[in-house]
Amino acid sequence: MTPRLFPLGPELSVAGRLDRADIEALAAAGVRKIINNRPDGEDPGQLPAAEARRLAEAHGIAYHHIPITAATLSRADVDAFAAALSDAPGPAVAHCRSGTRSALLWALSRMREGADPLSLIAEAGRHGIDIAGLPSIAARLR
């Protein structure tokens, strides 16, 4: 069974935590790229990034680990996320514990392209993801 995905665009969906079975299901569904935004050890029993990378790559999926927390989020993280999105064809799935941090990185990278922050907040909100703090976070990262 494929994990619950929240599509934010034609080539990107976000999700909460992924486990081994989820990576296999994503591969079967045609996902070509996984971006993991969780620091290792965030939760007990969490799939370590090195193991997730091994599983993803065994299925032909590009894998990027860009671990962030609200306190550590930086411009370099947004740069890395944007680069990961553009490095290989999608579709891609970005994930963290709930999908919120991944959606925030998506929105911050889209704002750099000129996207309207309120539209991005609304799009994430349609999927139950609250990134209302986007404008203040973007201002902090300038």
C-alpha atoms as a PDB file:
ATOM      1  CA  MET A   1       0.000   0.000   0.000  1.00  0.00           C
ATOM      2  CA  THR A   2       1.363   3.418  -0.983  1.00  0.00           C
ATOM      3  CA  PRO A   3       1.789   5.900   1.886  1.00  0.00           C
ATOM      4  CA  ARG A   4      -0.600   8.852   2.055  1.00  0.00           C
ATOM      5  CA  LEU A   5       0.726  11.469  -0.348  1.00  0.00           C
ATOM      6  CA  PHE A   6      -0.200  15.145  -0.538  1.00  0.00           C
ATOM      7  CA  PRO A   7       0.372  16.398  -4.110  1.00  0.00           C
ATOM      8  CA  LEU A   8       1.760  19.942  -4.196  1.00  0.00           C
ATOM      9  CA  GLY A   9       2.412  19.952  -7.920  1.00  0.00           C
ATOM     10  CA  PRO A  10       2.627  17.647 -10.914  1.00  0.00           C
ATOM     11  CA  GLU A  11       6.078  16.382  -9.962  1.00  0.00           C
ATOM     12  CA  LEU A  12       6.093  16.647  -6.140  1.00  0.00           C
ATOM     13  CA  SER A  13       4.106  15.157  -3.300  1.00  0.00           C
ATOM     14  CA  VAL A  14       4.863  15.314   0.398  1.00  0.00           C
ATOM     15  CA  ALA A  15       4.307  12.623   2.984  1.00  0.00           C
ATOM     16  CA  GLY A  16       4.859  11.839   6.617  1.00  0.00           C
ATOM     17  CA  ARG A  17       7.293   9.219   7.814  1.00  0.00           C
ATOM     18  CA  LEU A  18       8.285   6.486   5.385  1.00  0.00           C
ATOM     19  CA  ASP A  19       9.278   2.950   6.248  1.00  0.00           C
ATOM     20  CA  ARG A  20      10.739   0.105   4.185  1.00  0.00           C
ATOM     21  CA  ALA A  21       7.376  -1.010   2.770  1.00  0.00           C
ATOM     22  CA  ASP A  22       6.546   2.582   1.814  1.00  0.00           C
ATOM     23  CA  ILE A  23       9.728   2.914  -0.231  1.00  0.00           C
ATOM     24  CA  GLU A  24       8.908  -0.314  -2.058  1.00  0.00           C
ATOM     25  CA  ALA A  25       5.350   0.915  -2.715  1.00  0.00           C
ATOM     26  CA  LEU A  26       6.629   4.266  -3.989  1.00  0.00           C
ATOM     27  CA  ALA A  27       8.999   2.488  -6.362  1.00  0.00           C
ATOM     28  CA  ALA A  28       6.118   0.375  -7.677  1.00  0.00           C
ATOM     29  CA  ALA A  29       4.069   3.568  -8.137  1.00  0.00           C
ATOM     30  CA  GLY A  30       6.797   5.121 -10.317  1.00  0.00           C
ATOM     31  CA  VAL A  31       8.388   7.576  -7.886  1.00  0.00           C
ATOM     32  CA  ARG A  32      11.854   8.503  -9.149  1.00  0.00           C
ATOM     33  CA  LYS A  33      13.137  10.643  -6.274  1.00  0.00           C
ATOM     34  CA  ILE A  34      12.797  10.734  -2.460  1.00  0.00           C
ATOM     35  CA  ILE A  35      13.836  13.741  -0.387  1.00  0.00           C
ATOM     36  CA  ASN A  36      14.092  12.931   3.316  1.00  0.00           C
ATOM     37  CA  ASN A  37      13.808  16.006   5.564  1.00  0.00           C
ATOM     38  CA  ARG A  38      13.980  14.122   8.888  1.00  0.00           C
ATOM     39  CA  PRO A  39      17.031  14.149  11.109  1.00  0.00           C
ATOM     40  CA  ASP A  40      18.081  10.601  12.016  1.00  0.00           C
ATOM     41  CA  GLY A  41      16.868   9.581  15.471  1.00  0.00           C
ATOM     42  CA  GLU A  42      13.930  11.985  15.497  1.00  0.00           C
ATOM     43  CA  ASP A  43      11.596   9.177  16.609  1.00  0.00           C
ATOM     44  CA  PRO A  44      12.229   5.735  18.086  1.00  0.00           C
ATOM     45  CA  GLY A  45      12.196   3.053  15.405  1.00  0.00           C
ATOM     46  CA  GLN A  46      12.621   5.551  12.587  1.00  0.00           C
ATOM     47  CA  LEU A  47      14.200   4.176   9.416  1.00  0.00           C
ATOM     48  CA  PRO A  48      17.771   5.574   9.349  1.00  0.00           C
ATOM     49  CA  ALA A  49      18.623   7.677   6.301  1.00  0.00           C
ATOM     50  CA  ALA A  50      21.487   5.378   5.260  1.00  0.00           C
ATOM     51  CA  GLU A  51      19.135   2.385   5.181  1.00  0.00           C
ATOM     52  CA  ALA A  52      16.443   4.370   3.358  1.00  0.00           C
ATOM     53  CA  ARG A  53      19.039   5.460   0.793  1.00  0.00           C
ATOM     54  CA  ARG A  54      20.136   1.857   0.242  1.00  0.00           C
ATOM     55  CA  LEU A  55      16.535   0.714  -0.260  1.00  0.00           C
ATOM     56  CA  ALA A  56      15.638   3.606  -2.550  1.00  0.00           C
ATOM     57  CA  GLU A  57      18.721   3.213  -4.706  1.00  0.00           C
ATOM     58  CA  ALA A  58      18.129  -0.551  -4.961  1.00  0.00           C
ATOM     59  CA  HIS A  59      14.786   0.371  -6.579  1.00  0.00           C
ATOM     60  CA  GLY A  60      16.352   2.940  -8.914  1.00  0.00           C
ATOM     61  CA  ILE A  61      15.116   5.927  -6.894  1.00  0.00           C
ATOM     62  CA  ALA A  62      17.377   8.966  -6.393  1.00  0.00           C
ATOM     63  CA  TYR A  63      17.655   9.747  -2.681  1.00  0.00           C
ATOM     64  CA  HIS A  64      18.471  13.019  -0.935  1.00  0.00           C
ATOM     65  CA  HIS A  65      18.787  13.563   2.815  1.00  0.00           C
ATOM     66  CA  ILE A  66      18.276  17.181   3.857  1.00  0.00           C
ATOM     67  CA  PRO A  67      17.520  16.943   7.587  1.00  0.00           C
ATOM     68  CA  ILE A  68      15.942  20.052   9.082  1.00  0.00           C
ATOM     69  CA  THR A  69      14.155  21.217  12.192  1.00  0.00           C
ATOM     70  CA  ALA A  70      12.340  24.506  12.689  1.00  0.00           C
ATOM     71  CA  ALA A  71      15.352  25.764  14.654  1.00  0.00           C
ATOM     72  CA  THR A  72      17.983  24.722  12.104  1.00  0.00           C
ATOM     73  CA  LEU A  73      16.259  25.646   8.825  1.00  0.00           C
ATOM     74  CA  SER A  74      18.628  27.744   6.706  1.00  0.00           C
ATOM     75  CA  ARG A  75      18.971  29.217   3.233  1.00  0.00           C
ATOM     76  CA  ALA A  76      21.405  26.396   2.457  1.00  0.00           C
ATOM     77  CA  ASP A  77      18.627  23.869   3.215  1.00  0.00           C
ATOM     78  CA  VAL A  78      16.284  25.631   0.787  1.00  0.00           C
ATOM     79  CA  ASP A  79      19.081  25.672  -1.814  1.00  0.00           C
ATOM     80  CA  ALA A  80      19.687  21.944  -1.303  1.00  0.00           C
ATOM     81  CA  PHE A  81      15.958  21.179  -1.582  1.00  0.00           C
ATOM     82  CA  ALA A  82      15.634  23.179  -4.819  1.00  0.00           C
ATOM     83  CA  ALA A  83      18.707  21.423  -6.232  1.00  0.00           C
ATOM     84  CA  ALA A  84      17.322  18.009  -5.267  1.00  0.00           C
ATOM     85  CA  LEU A  85      14.059  18.786  -7.036  1.00  0.00           C
ATOM     86  CA  SER A  86      15.861  19.738 -10.220  1.00  0.00           C
ATOM     87  CA  ASP A  87      18.627  17.097 -10.261  1.00  0.00           C
ATOM     88  CA  ALA A  88      16.663  14.288 -11.917  1.00  0.00           C
ATOM     89  CA  PRO A  89      13.213  13.773 -13.401  1.00  0.00           C
ATOM     90  CA  GLY A  90      10.287  13.204 -11.044  1.00  0.00           C
ATOM     91  CA  PRO A  91       7.886  12.305  -9.773  1.00  0.00           C
ATOM     92  CA  ALA A  92       9.324  13.025  -6.346  1.00  0.00           C
ATOM     93  CA  VAL A  93       8.185  12.520  -2.753  1.00  0.00           C
ATOM     94  CA  ALA A  94       9.576  14.717   0.032  1.00  0.00           C
ATOM     95  CA  HIS A  95       8.909  13.548   3.564  1.00  0.00           C
ATOM     96  CA  CYS A  96       9.344  14.360   7.222  1.00  0.00           C
ATOM     97  CA  ARG A  97       7.345  13.360  10.302  1.00  0.00           C
ATOM     98  CA  SER A  98       4.053  14.885   9.089  1.00  0.00           C
ATOM     99  CA  GLY A  99       4.826  16.499   5.725  1.00  0.00           C
ATOM    100  CA  THR A 100       4.884  20.042   7.115  1.00  0.00           C
ATOM    101  CA  ARG A 101       8.646  20.679   6.963  1.00  0.00           C
ATOM    102  CA  SER A 102       8.795  19.228   3.454  1.00  0.00           C
ATOM    103  CA  ALA A 103       5.891  21.452   2.360  1.00  0.00           C
ATOM    104  CA  LEU A 104       7.648  24.435   3.920  1.00  0.00           C
ATOM    105  CA  LEU A 105      10.831  23.726   1.956  1.00  0.00           C
ATOM    106  CA  TRP A 106       8.742  23.371  -1.213  1.00  0.00           C
ATOM    107  CA  ALA A 107       7.047  26.708  -0.568  1.00  0.00           C
ATOM    108  CA  LEU A 108      10.315  28.497   0.225  1.00  0.00           C
ATOM    109  CA  SER A 109      11.878  27.173  -2.976  1.00  0.00           C
ATOM    110  CA  ARG A 110       8.798  28.234  -4.979  1.00  0.00           C
ATOM    111  CA  MET A 111       8.892  31.730  -3.452  1.00  0.00           C
ATOM    112  CA  ARG A 112      12.400  32.109  -4.890  1.00  0.00           C
ATOM    113  CA  GLU A 113      10.806  31.552  -8.304  1.00  0.00           C
ATOM    114  CA  GLY A 114       8.315  34.345  -7.616  1.00  0.00           C
ATOM    115  CA  ALA A 115       5.348  32.300  -6.370  1.00  0.00           C
ATOM    116  CA  ASP A 116       2.854  34.100  -4.154  1.00  0.00           C
ATOM    117  CA  PRO A 117       3.231  33.039  -0.491  1.00  0.00           C
ATOM    118  CA  LEU A 118      -0.519  33.168   0.174  1.00  0.00           C
ATOM    119  CA  SER A 119      -1.201  30.841  -2.763  1.00  0.00           C
ATOM    120  CA  LEU A 120       1.412  28.408  -1.467  1.00  0.00           C
ATOM    121  CA  ILE A 121      -0.083  28.504   2.040  1.00  0.00           C
ATOM    122  CA  ALA A 122      -3.516  27.853   0.544  1.00  0.00           C
ATOM    123  CA  GLU A 123      -2.273  24.936  -1.577  1.00  0.00           C
ATOM    124  CA  ALA A 124      -0.658  23.259   1.434  1.00  0.00           C
ATOM    125  CA  GLY A 125      -3.770  23.990   3.500  1.00  0.00           C
ATOM    126  CA  ARG A 126      -5.944  22.114   0.978  1.00  0.00           C
ATOM    127  CA  HIS A 127      -4.062  19.028   2.123  1.00  0.00           C
ATOM    128  CA  GLY A 128      -4.302  19.808   5.824  1.00  0.00           C
ATOM    129  CA  ILE A 129      -0.734  21.098   6.042  1.00  0.00           C
ATOM    130  CA  ASP A 130      -0.318  24.331   7.985  1.00  0.00           C
ATOM    131  CA  ILE A 131       2.525  26.513   6.718  1.00  0.00           C
ATOM    132  CA  ALA A 132       0.930  29.826   7.750  1.00  0.00           C
ATOM    133  CA  GLY A 133       4.281  30.948   9.184  1.00  0.00           C
ATOM    134  CA  LEU A 134       5.792  30.939   5.675  1.00  0.00           C
ATOM    135  CA  PRO A 135       6.132  34.743   5.267  1.00  0.00           C
ATOM    136  CA  SER A 136       7.923  35.218   8.594  1.00  0.00           C
ATOM    137  CA  ILE A 137      10.186  32.218   7.966  1.00  0.00           C
ATOM    138  CA  ALA A 138      11.038  33.522   4.501  1.00  0.00           C
ATOM    139  CA  ALA A 139      11.859  36.945   5.963  1.00  0.00           C
ATOM    140  CA  ARG A 140      14.156  35.329   8.548  1.00  0.00           C
ATOM    141  CA  LEU A 141      16.062  33.473   5.817  1.00  0.00           C
ATOM    142  CA  ARG A 142      16.735  36.524   3.628  1.00  0.00           C
END
